[in-house]
């Protein structure tokens, strides 16, 4: 089997995991009677696509924002120009504001955000290709953020980021249900 064929199969497996994670989050949201909103940058709508691949997702998927440019992050989600200037679009500060903005600009009770450098270009000092920042915001609880360094080509970084965002959203929902803020 060629290297390209192996890479394609690995990415297909990863995309299947993304869909499974979307199903798991959907079940958890439905059980709670909540909806989710997504704010995506480097994943370009992959999380929204995975969530809406599932029949009945209109019961728990509220809306998505694809905010690739800094202007879109500010205009659509309210990410502050000061945050973007001081920390950059790929930062936990921006990811947190993206999640909070998605929550505030939707009717959802949970929001997730993703912003990162999928490659092959775009790296800056201290933020190599594969750096992805995440945010999870929910009503009446503190926003959580996290930065993860992924390896692989552009498609792999994006799929791994989508998978991580969905899995952690599910975990965050469980934490909130257990009373953890």
N, C-alpha and C. Protein backbone atom coordinates (compact mmCIF):
# COMPACT_ATOMS: atom_id res chain seq x y z
N UNK A 1 0.85 -1.17 0.00
CA UNK A 1 0.00 0.00 0.00
C UNK A 1 0.90 1.24 0.00
N UNK A 2 0.54 2.24 -0.79
CA UNK A 2 1.35 3.44 -0.89
C UNK A 2 1.17 4.32 0.34
N UNK A 3 2.15 5.19 0.54
CA UNK A 3 2.08 6.12 1.67
C UNK A 3 0.85 7.02 1.57
N UNK A 4 0.54 7.48 0.38
CA UNK A 4 -0.63 8.34 0.18
C UNK A 4 -1.92 7.60 0.53
N UNK A 5 -2.00 6.33 0.13
CA UNK A 5 -3.19 5.52 0.43
C UNK A 5 -3.34 5.32 1.95
N UNK A 6 -2.23 5.06 2.62
CA UNK A 6 -2.26 4.90 4.08
C UNK A 6 -2.72 6.19 4.76
N UNK A 7 -2.21 7.32 4.27
CA UNK A 7 -2.58 8.62 4.82
C UNK A 7 -4.07 8.88 4.62
N UNK A 8 -4.58 8.56 3.44
CA UNK A 8 -6.01 8.74 3.16
C UNK A 8 -6.88 7.87 4.07
N UNK A 9 -6.46 6.63 4.29
CA UNK A 9 -7.22 5.73 5.16
C UNK A 9 -7.18 6.21 6.61
N UNK A 10 -6.02 6.70 7.04
CA UNK A 10 -5.91 7.21 8.41
C UNK A 10 -6.82 8.42 8.60
N UNK A 11 -6.86 9.29 7.61
CA UNK A 11 -7.73 10.46 7.71
C UNK A 11 -9.20 10.05 7.69
N UNK A 12 -9.56 9.07 6.89
CA UNK A 12 -10.94 8.58 6.86
C UNK A 12 -11.33 8.00 8.22
N UNK A 13 -10.42 7.27 8.85
CA UNK A 13 -10.68 6.73 10.19
C UNK A 13 -10.88 7.86 11.20
N UNK A 14 -10.05 8.88 11.10
CA UNK A 14 -10.15 10.03 12.00
C UNK A 14 -11.48 10.76 11.80
N UNK A 15 -11.89 10.92 10.55
CA UNK A 15 -13.17 11.57 10.27
C UNK A 15 -14.35 10.75 10.80
N UNK A 16 -14.22 9.42 10.79
CA UNK A 16 -15.25 8.56 11.39
C UNK A 16 -15.31 8.79 12.91
N UNK A 17 -14.16 8.95 13.54
CA UNK A 17 -14.12 9.24 14.98
C UNK A 17 -14.78 10.58 15.28
N UNK A 18 -14.59 11.56 14.40
CA UNK A 18 -15.22 12.87 14.57
C UNK A 18 -16.74 12.70 14.56
N UNK A 19 -17.25 11.93 13.63
CA UNK A 19 -18.69 11.70 13.57
C UNK A 19 -19.20 10.98 14.81
N UNK A 20 -18.46 9.99 15.28
CA UNK A 20 -18.85 9.28 16.52
C UNK A 20 -18.89 10.24 17.70
N UNK A 21 -17.92 11.14 17.79
CA UNK A 21 -17.89 12.12 18.88
C UNK A 21 -19.06 13.08 18.76
N UNK A 22 -19.43 13.44 17.53
CA UNK A 22 -20.59 14.31 17.33
C UNK A 22 -21.87 13.62 17.79
N UNK A 23 -22.00 12.34 17.49
CA UNK A 23 -23.17 11.57 17.94
C UNK A 23 -23.23 11.55 19.47
N UNK A 24 -22.10 11.30 20.11
CA UNK A 24 -22.06 11.24 21.58
C UNK A 24 -22.45 12.60 22.19
N UNK A 25 -21.93 13.68 21.62
CA UNK A 25 -22.29 15.00 22.13
C UNK A 25 -23.78 15.27 21.89
N UNK A 26 -24.27 14.90 20.73
CA UNK A 26 -25.69 15.09 20.44
C UNK A 26 -26.60 14.37 21.43
N UNK A 27 -26.24 13.13 21.76
CA UNK A 27 -27.03 12.38 22.75
C UNK A 27 -27.02 13.08 24.10
N UNK A 28 -25.86 13.57 24.51
CA UNK A 28 -25.75 14.24 25.81
C UNK A 28 -26.53 15.55 25.82
N UNK A 29 -26.48 16.29 24.73
CA UNK A 29 -27.24 17.54 24.65
C UNK A 29 -28.74 17.26 24.68
N UNK A 30 -29.17 16.28 23.90
CA UNK A 30 -30.60 15.93 23.86
C UNK A 30 -31.08 15.50 25.26
N UNK A 31 -30.30 14.70 25.96
CA UNK A 31 -30.69 14.24 27.29
C UNK A 31 -30.85 15.42 28.27
N UNK A 32 -30.06 16.44 28.05
CA UNK A 32 -30.10 17.60 28.94
C UNK A 32 -31.11 18.65 28.48
N UNK A 33 -31.56 18.55 27.22
CA UNK A 33 -32.45 19.55 26.67
C UNK A 33 -31.73 20.83 26.26
N UNK A 34 -30.44 20.71 25.97
CA UNK A 34 -29.61 21.86 25.59
C UNK A 34 -29.33 21.85 24.10
N UNK A 35 -28.86 23.02 23.63
CA UNK A 35 -28.36 23.14 22.26
C UNK A 35 -26.93 23.66 22.30
N UNK A 36 -26.22 23.49 21.19
CA UNK A 36 -24.83 23.91 21.08
C UNK A 36 -24.68 24.88 19.91
N UNK A 37 -23.76 25.81 20.08
CA UNK A 37 -23.32 26.71 19.02
C UNK A 37 -21.81 26.52 18.87
N UNK A 38 -21.32 26.68 17.65
CA UNK A 38 -19.89 26.49 17.37
C UNK A 38 -19.31 27.73 16.71
N UNK A 39 -18.09 28.06 17.12
CA UNK A 39 -17.33 29.14 16.49
C UNK A 39 -16.03 28.51 16.00
N UNK A 40 -15.87 28.43 14.69
CA UNK A 40 -14.72 27.74 14.12
C UNK A 40 -13.89 28.68 13.25
N UNK A 41 -12.59 28.50 13.33
CA UNK A 41 -11.68 29.22 12.44
C UNK A 41 -10.92 28.20 11.59
N UNK A 42 -9.87 27.60 12.12
CA UNK A 42 -9.02 26.73 11.30
C UNK A 42 -9.73 25.47 10.81
N UNK A 43 -10.79 25.05 11.48
CA UNK A 43 -11.53 23.87 11.04
C UNK A 43 -12.58 24.20 9.99
N UNK A 44 -12.84 25.46 9.77
CA UNK A 44 -13.69 25.90 8.67
C UNK A 44 -15.07 25.28 8.61
N UNK A 45 -15.66 24.93 9.72
CA UNK A 45 -17.00 24.36 9.74
C UNK A 45 -17.07 22.84 9.86
N UNK A 46 -15.92 22.20 10.08
CA UNK A 46 -15.91 20.73 10.18
C UNK A 46 -16.76 20.22 11.34
N UNK A 47 -16.73 20.94 12.48
CA UNK A 47 -17.53 20.51 13.63
C UNK A 47 -19.01 20.66 13.31
N UNK A 48 -19.38 21.80 12.74
CA UNK A 48 -20.79 22.00 12.35
C UNK A 48 -21.24 20.93 11.37
N UNK A 49 -20.39 20.62 10.41
CA UNK A 49 -20.73 19.60 9.43
C UNK A 49 -20.96 18.25 10.11
N UNK A 50 -20.05 17.88 11.01
CA UNK A 50 -20.20 16.59 11.71
C UNK A 50 -21.49 16.56 12.52
N UNK A 51 -21.77 17.64 13.22
CA UNK A 51 -22.98 17.68 14.05
C UNK A 51 -24.25 17.60 13.20
N UNK A 52 -24.24 18.23 12.04
CA UNK A 52 -25.44 18.24 11.22
C UNK A 52 -25.54 17.06 10.27
N UNK A 53 -24.55 16.18 10.27
CA UNK A 53 -24.64 14.92 9.51
C UNK A 53 -25.65 13.98 10.18
N UNK A 54 -25.98 14.24 11.42
CA UNK A 54 -26.78 13.35 12.24
C UNK A 54 -28.26 13.74 12.13
N UNK A 55 -29.09 12.78 11.76
CA UNK A 55 -30.52 13.03 11.69
C UNK A 55 -31.05 13.48 13.04
N UNK A 56 -31.89 14.48 13.04
CA UNK A 56 -32.46 14.99 14.28
C UNK A 56 -31.61 16.03 14.98
N UNK A 57 -30.50 16.42 14.35
CA UNK A 57 -29.58 17.36 15.01
C UNK A 57 -30.20 18.73 15.23
N UNK A 58 -31.29 19.04 14.53
CA UNK A 58 -31.93 20.33 14.76
C UNK A 58 -32.49 20.43 16.18
N UNK A 59 -32.62 19.30 16.86
CA UNK A 59 -33.07 19.32 18.26
C UNK A 59 -32.01 19.88 19.19
N UNK A 60 -30.72 19.78 18.81
CA UNK A 60 -29.65 20.19 19.73
C UNK A 60 -28.52 20.99 19.09
N UNK A 61 -28.56 21.21 17.79
CA UNK A 61 -27.58 22.08 17.14
C UNK A 61 -28.25 23.41 16.84
N UNK A 62 -27.74 24.50 17.44
CA UNK A 62 -28.40 25.79 17.31
C UNK A 62 -27.84 26.60 16.14
N UNK A 63 -26.53 26.78 16.07
CA UNK A 63 -25.94 27.51 14.95
C UNK A 63 -24.43 27.42 14.98
N UNK A 64 -23.84 27.82 13.86
CA UNK A 64 -22.38 27.83 13.76
C UNK A 64 -21.89 29.11 13.13
N UNK A 65 -20.69 29.50 13.53
CA UNK A 65 -20.02 30.67 12.99
C UNK A 65 -18.67 30.20 12.44
N UNK A 66 -18.40 30.47 11.18
CA UNK A 66 -17.07 30.22 10.63
C UNK A 66 -16.42 31.59 10.51
N UNK A 67 -15.45 31.83 11.38
CA UNK A 67 -14.83 33.16 11.48
C UNK A 67 -13.33 33.01 11.22
N UNK A 68 -12.99 32.94 9.97
CA UNK A 68 -11.61 32.68 9.57
C UNK A 68 -10.73 33.91 9.74
N UNK A 69 -11.25 35.08 9.42
CA UNK A 69 -10.46 36.31 9.53
C UNK A 69 -10.63 36.95 10.91
N UNK A 70 -9.68 37.80 11.25
CA UNK A 70 -9.79 38.54 12.51
C UNK A 70 -11.01 39.45 12.48
N UNK A 71 -11.30 40.05 11.32
CA UNK A 71 -12.48 40.91 11.21
C UNK A 71 -13.76 40.13 11.50
N UNK A 72 -13.84 38.91 10.99
CA UNK A 72 -15.03 38.08 11.25
C UNK A 72 -15.12 37.73 12.73
N UNK A 73 -13.99 37.42 13.34
CA UNK A 73 -14.00 37.12 14.78
C UNK A 73 -14.54 38.30 15.57
N UNK A 74 -14.12 39.51 15.20
CA UNK A 74 -14.60 40.72 15.89
C UNK A 74 -16.05 41.03 15.54
N UNK A 75 -16.36 41.05 14.23
CA UNK A 75 -17.70 41.44 13.79
C UNK A 75 -18.79 40.48 14.24
N UNK A 76 -18.55 39.18 14.10
CA UNK A 76 -19.59 38.18 14.37
C UNK A 76 -19.61 37.68 15.81
N UNK A 77 -18.43 37.67 16.45
CA UNK A 77 -18.35 37.07 17.79
C UNK A 77 -17.96 38.06 18.89
N UNK A 78 -17.56 39.26 18.49
CA UNK A 78 -17.20 40.26 19.49
C UNK A 78 -15.82 40.09 20.09
N UNK A 79 -14.94 39.34 19.43
CA UNK A 79 -13.57 39.22 19.94
C UNK A 79 -12.94 40.60 19.88
N UNK A 80 -12.36 41.03 20.98
CA UNK A 80 -11.86 42.40 21.05
C UNK A 80 -10.58 42.58 20.23
N UNK A 81 -10.48 43.76 19.64
CA UNK A 81 -9.28 44.11 18.88
C UNK A 81 -8.06 44.09 19.79
N UNK A 82 -8.25 44.47 21.05
CA UNK A 82 -7.13 44.45 22.01
C UNK A 82 -6.63 43.03 22.23
N UNK A 83 -7.54 42.08 22.33
CA UNK A 83 -7.15 40.67 22.49
C UNK A 83 -6.37 40.20 21.28
N UNK A 84 -6.88 40.50 20.09
CA UNK A 84 -6.21 40.06 18.87
C UNK A 84 -4.84 40.70 18.74
N UNK A 85 -4.71 41.96 19.12
CA UNK A 85 -3.42 42.65 19.03
C UNK A 85 -2.43 42.12 20.06
N UNK A 86 -2.89 41.92 21.27
CA UNK A 86 -1.99 41.51 22.36
C UNK A 86 -1.62 40.03 22.30
N UNK A 87 -2.57 39.18 21.92
CA UNK A 87 -2.36 37.73 22.01
C UNK A 87 -2.41 37.01 20.67
N UNK A 88 -3.05 37.62 19.67
CA UNK A 88 -3.21 37.00 18.36
C UNK A 88 -4.49 36.18 18.30
N UNK A 89 -4.88 35.84 17.08
CA UNK A 89 -6.09 35.06 16.87
C UNK A 89 -5.94 33.63 17.37
N UNK A 90 -4.71 33.13 17.35
CA UNK A 90 -4.44 31.78 17.85
C UNK A 90 -3.93 31.92 19.29
N UNK A 91 -4.88 32.02 20.20
CA UNK A 91 -4.57 32.19 21.62
C UNK A 91 -5.76 31.71 22.43
N UNK A 92 -5.49 31.33 23.65
CA UNK A 92 -6.60 30.93 24.53
C UNK A 92 -7.52 32.11 24.81
N UNK A 93 -6.95 33.31 24.85
CA UNK A 93 -7.78 34.49 25.08
C UNK A 93 -8.79 34.67 23.95
N UNK A 94 -8.31 34.55 22.70
CA UNK A 94 -9.23 34.67 21.56
C UNK A 94 -10.23 33.53 21.53
N UNK A 95 -9.77 32.31 21.81
CA UNK A 95 -10.68 31.16 21.83
C UNK A 95 -11.77 31.33 22.87
N UNK A 96 -11.41 31.83 24.04
CA UNK A 96 -12.40 32.07 25.09
C UNK A 96 -13.43 33.10 24.67
N UNK A 97 -12.97 34.19 24.06
CA UNK A 97 -13.89 35.23 23.60
C UNK A 97 -14.76 34.73 22.45
N UNK A 98 -14.20 33.86 21.61
CA UNK A 98 -15.00 33.27 20.53
C UNK A 98 -16.13 32.43 21.10
N UNK A 99 -15.83 31.58 22.07
CA UNK A 99 -16.86 30.73 22.68
C UNK A 99 -17.92 31.58 23.38
N UNK A 100 -17.46 32.56 24.13
CA UNK A 100 -18.41 33.44 24.83
C UNK A 100 -19.27 34.23 23.84
N UNK A 101 -18.66 34.66 22.73
CA UNK A 101 -19.41 35.39 21.71
C UNK A 101 -20.44 34.52 21.03
N UNK A 102 -20.07 33.26 20.75
CA UNK A 102 -21.03 32.34 20.13
C UNK A 102 -22.20 32.08 21.07
N UNK A 103 -21.91 31.95 22.35
CA UNK A 103 -22.97 31.72 23.33
C UNK A 103 -23.89 32.94 23.42
N UNK A 104 -23.30 34.12 23.48
CA UNK A 104 -24.07 35.35 23.62
C UNK A 104 -24.89 35.68 22.37
N UNK A 105 -24.42 35.23 21.21
CA UNK A 105 -25.08 35.57 19.95
C UNK A 105 -25.93 34.42 19.41
N UNK A 106 -26.30 33.52 20.30
CA UNK A 106 -27.15 32.39 19.91
C UNK A 106 -28.16 32.14 21.01
N UNK A 107 -28.96 31.12 20.81
CA UNK A 107 -29.90 30.69 21.84
C UNK A 107 -29.41 29.41 22.50
N UNK A 108 -28.16 29.04 22.24
CA UNK A 108 -27.58 27.82 22.79
C UNK A 108 -27.24 27.98 24.27
N UNK A 109 -27.09 26.84 24.93
CA UNK A 109 -26.66 26.82 26.32
C UNK A 109 -25.19 26.42 26.45
N UNK A 110 -24.61 25.90 25.36
CA UNK A 110 -23.21 25.49 25.32
C UNK A 110 -22.62 25.97 24.01
N UNK A 111 -21.39 26.47 24.08
CA UNK A 111 -20.69 26.88 22.85
C UNK A 111 -19.26 26.38 22.91
N UNK A 112 -18.73 26.04 21.74
CA UNK A 112 -17.32 25.65 21.64
C UNK A 112 -16.66 26.50 20.56
N UNK A 113 -15.35 26.65 20.70
CA UNK A 113 -14.61 27.41 19.69
C UNK A 113 -13.28 26.74 19.39
N UNK A 114 -12.81 27.00 18.17
CA UNK A 114 -11.54 26.44 17.69
C UNK A 114 -10.85 27.51 16.86
N UNK A 115 -9.58 27.78 17.16
CA UNK A 115 -8.77 28.68 16.37
C UNK A 115 -7.34 28.17 16.38
N UNK A 116 -6.72 28.08 15.22
CA UNK A 116 -5.38 27.51 15.20
C UNK A 116 -4.66 27.67 13.89
N UNK A 117 -3.52 27.01 13.82
CA UNK A 117 -2.67 27.04 12.63
C UNK A 117 -2.60 25.62 12.08
N UNK A 118 -3.37 25.36 11.03
CA UNK A 118 -3.45 24.02 10.46
C UNK A 118 -2.31 23.74 9.48
N UNK A 119 -1.68 24.79 8.95
CA UNK A 119 -0.56 24.62 8.04
C UNK A 119 -0.99 24.53 6.59
N UNK A 120 -0.09 24.37 5.68
CA UNK A 120 1.33 24.14 5.96
C UNK A 120 2.08 25.40 6.36
N UNK A 121 1.54 26.58 6.06
CA UNK A 121 2.17 27.83 6.48
C UNK A 121 1.47 28.41 7.69
N UNK A 122 1.85 29.63 8.04
CA UNK A 122 1.16 30.35 9.11
C UNK A 122 1.83 30.32 10.45
N UNK A 123 2.87 29.52 10.60
CA UNK A 123 3.55 29.44 11.90
C UNK A 123 4.20 30.79 12.23
N UNK A 124 4.20 31.11 13.50
CA UNK A 124 4.89 32.29 14.01
C UNK A 124 5.69 31.86 15.23
N UNK A 125 6.65 32.66 15.67
CA UNK A 125 7.44 32.26 16.84
C UNK A 125 6.53 31.92 18.03
N UNK A 126 6.77 30.77 18.60
CA UNK A 126 5.99 30.30 19.74
C UNK A 126 4.68 29.63 19.38
N UNK A 127 4.31 29.66 18.10
CA UNK A 127 3.06 29.04 17.65
C UNK A 127 3.34 28.30 16.35
N UNK A 128 3.89 27.08 16.46
CA UNK A 128 4.19 26.31 15.25
C UNK A 128 2.91 25.77 14.60
N UNK A 129 3.06 25.31 13.37
CA UNK A 129 1.95 24.63 12.70
C UNK A 129 1.45 23.51 13.61
N UNK A 130 0.15 23.38 13.73
CA UNK A 130 -0.45 22.37 14.59
C UNK A 130 -0.91 22.92 15.92
N UNK A 131 -0.61 24.19 16.20
CA UNK A 131 -1.07 24.82 17.44
C UNK A 131 -2.55 25.15 17.29
N UNK A 132 -3.36 24.65 18.19
CA UNK A 132 -4.81 24.91 18.14
C UNK A 132 -5.29 25.27 19.54
N UNK A 133 -6.05 26.36 19.62
CA UNK A 133 -6.63 26.82 20.88
C UNK A 133 -8.14 26.59 20.86
N UNK A 134 -8.66 26.20 21.99
CA UNK A 134 -10.07 25.82 22.13
C UNK A 134 -10.72 26.61 23.26
N UNK A 135 -12.02 26.80 23.16
CA UNK A 135 -12.81 27.38 24.23
C UNK A 135 -14.14 26.67 24.35
N UNK A 136 -14.63 26.55 25.58
CA UNK A 136 -15.95 25.98 25.85
C UNK A 136 -16.65 26.89 26.84
N UNK A 137 -17.81 27.37 26.48
CA UNK A 137 -18.56 28.29 27.32
C UNK A 137 -19.98 27.76 27.49
N UNK A 138 -20.50 27.93 28.68
CA UNK A 138 -21.87 27.50 28.96
C UNK A 138 -22.53 28.51 29.89
N UNK A 139 -23.84 28.49 29.88
CA UNK A 139 -24.58 29.41 30.73
C UNK A 139 -24.21 29.23 32.20
N UNK A 140 -23.93 30.34 32.84
CA UNK A 140 -23.73 30.39 34.29
C UNK A 140 -22.53 29.61 34.81
N UNK A 141 -21.56 29.28 33.94
CA UNK A 141 -20.33 28.64 34.40
C UNK A 141 -19.13 29.31 33.73
N UNK A 142 -17.99 29.14 34.33
CA UNK A 142 -16.76 29.75 33.81
C UNK A 142 -16.35 29.13 32.48
N UNK A 143 -15.92 29.97 31.56
CA UNK A 143 -15.40 29.51 30.27
C UNK A 143 -14.07 28.81 30.49
N UNK A 144 -13.88 27.70 29.80
CA UNK A 144 -12.62 26.96 29.86
C UNK A 144 -11.91 27.09 28.53
N UNK A 145 -10.59 27.16 28.58
CA UNK A 145 -9.78 27.22 27.36
C UNK A 145 -8.63 26.24 27.47
N UNK A 146 -8.06 25.92 26.33
CA UNK A 146 -6.98 24.94 26.28
C UNK A 146 -6.24 25.10 24.95
N UNK A 147 -4.94 24.84 24.98
CA UNK A 147 -4.13 24.82 23.76
C UNK A 147 -3.55 23.43 23.60
N UNK A 148 -3.61 22.90 22.38
CA UNK A 148 -3.09 21.57 22.08
C UNK A 148 -2.21 21.69 20.84
N UNK A 149 -1.11 20.95 20.83
CA UNK A 149 -0.22 20.88 19.67
C UNK A 149 -0.46 19.56 18.96
N UNK A 150 -0.96 19.63 17.72
CA UNK A 150 -1.22 18.44 16.92
C UNK A 150 -0.13 18.28 15.86
N UNK A 151 0.14 17.04 15.49
CA UNK A 151 1.08 16.78 14.40
C UNK A 151 0.30 16.31 13.18
N UNK A 152 0.96 16.33 12.05
CA UNK A 152 0.34 15.85 10.82
C UNK A 152 0.17 16.94 9.80
N UNK A 153 -0.39 16.55 8.65
CA UNK A 153 -0.63 17.52 7.59
C UNK A 153 -1.89 18.33 7.92
N UNK A 154 -2.21 19.26 7.05
CA UNK A 154 -3.34 20.17 7.28
C UNK A 154 -4.65 19.43 7.58
N UNK A 155 -4.98 18.43 6.77
CA UNK A 155 -6.21 17.69 6.97
C UNK A 155 -6.24 16.98 8.31
N UNK A 156 -5.11 16.42 8.68
CA UNK A 156 -5.03 15.69 9.95
C UNK A 156 -5.15 16.64 11.14
N UNK A 157 -4.46 17.77 11.09
CA UNK A 157 -4.56 18.76 12.17
C UNK A 157 -6.00 19.22 12.34
N UNK A 158 -6.65 19.52 11.24
CA UNK A 158 -8.03 20.00 11.30
C UNK A 158 -8.97 18.93 11.87
N UNK A 159 -8.82 17.69 11.42
CA UNK A 159 -9.68 16.60 11.91
C UNK A 159 -9.41 16.32 13.39
N UNK A 160 -8.14 16.33 13.78
CA UNK A 160 -7.83 16.10 15.20
C UNK A 160 -8.38 17.22 16.07
N UNK A 161 -8.32 18.45 15.56
CA UNK A 161 -8.87 19.58 16.31
C UNK A 161 -10.39 19.45 16.46
N UNK A 162 -11.07 19.08 15.40
CA UNK A 162 -12.53 18.90 15.47
C UNK A 162 -12.88 17.80 16.47
N UNK A 163 -12.15 16.70 16.42
CA UNK A 163 -12.38 15.59 17.34
C UNK A 163 -12.17 16.03 18.79
N UNK A 164 -11.08 16.73 19.03
CA UNK A 164 -10.78 17.19 20.40
C UNK A 164 -11.88 18.13 20.91
N UNK A 165 -12.31 19.05 20.07
CA UNK A 165 -13.33 20.01 20.48
C UNK A 165 -14.63 19.30 20.86
N UNK A 166 -15.03 18.33 20.07
CA UNK A 166 -16.27 17.59 20.34
C UNK A 166 -16.15 16.75 21.61
N UNK A 167 -15.05 16.04 21.76
CA UNK A 167 -14.87 15.20 22.95
C UNK A 167 -14.84 16.03 24.22
N UNK A 168 -14.10 17.15 24.17
CA UNK A 168 -14.02 17.99 25.37
C UNK A 168 -15.35 18.70 25.64
N UNK A 169 -16.12 19.01 24.62
CA UNK A 169 -17.45 19.60 24.84
C UNK A 169 -18.33 18.61 25.58
N UNK A 170 -18.24 17.35 25.20
CA UNK A 170 -19.01 16.30 25.88
C UNK A 170 -18.56 16.17 27.33
N UNK A 171 -17.24 16.19 27.56
CA UNK A 171 -16.71 16.14 28.93
C UNK A 171 -17.15 17.35 29.73
N UNK A 172 -17.11 18.52 29.10
CA UNK A 172 -17.51 19.75 29.79
C UNK A 172 -18.98 19.68 30.18
N UNK A 173 -19.80 19.18 29.30
CA UNK A 173 -21.22 19.03 29.59
C UNK A 173 -21.43 18.11 30.79
N UNK A 174 -20.67 17.02 30.85
CA UNK A 174 -20.77 16.10 31.99
C UNK A 174 -20.31 16.76 33.28
N UNK A 175 -19.24 17.56 33.20
CA UNK A 175 -18.76 18.28 34.39
C UNK A 175 -19.82 19.25 34.91
N UNK A 176 -20.44 19.96 34.00
CA UNK A 176 -21.48 20.93 34.40
C UNK A 176 -22.65 20.19 35.03
N UNK A 177 -23.00 19.05 34.45
CA UNK A 177 -24.09 18.24 35.01
C UNK A 177 -23.77 17.71 36.39
N UNK A 178 -22.48 17.51 36.66
CA UNK A 178 -22.05 17.00 37.96
C UNK A 178 -21.84 18.14 38.96
N UNK A 179 -22.06 19.37 38.51
CA UNK A 179 -21.94 20.50 39.41
C UNK A 179 -20.58 21.18 39.40
N UNK A 180 -19.67 20.77 38.54
CA UNK A 180 -18.37 21.42 38.45
C UNK A 180 -18.47 22.66 37.58
N UNK A 181 -17.96 23.74 38.05
CA UNK A 181 -17.95 24.98 37.27
C UNK A 181 -16.57 25.17 36.76
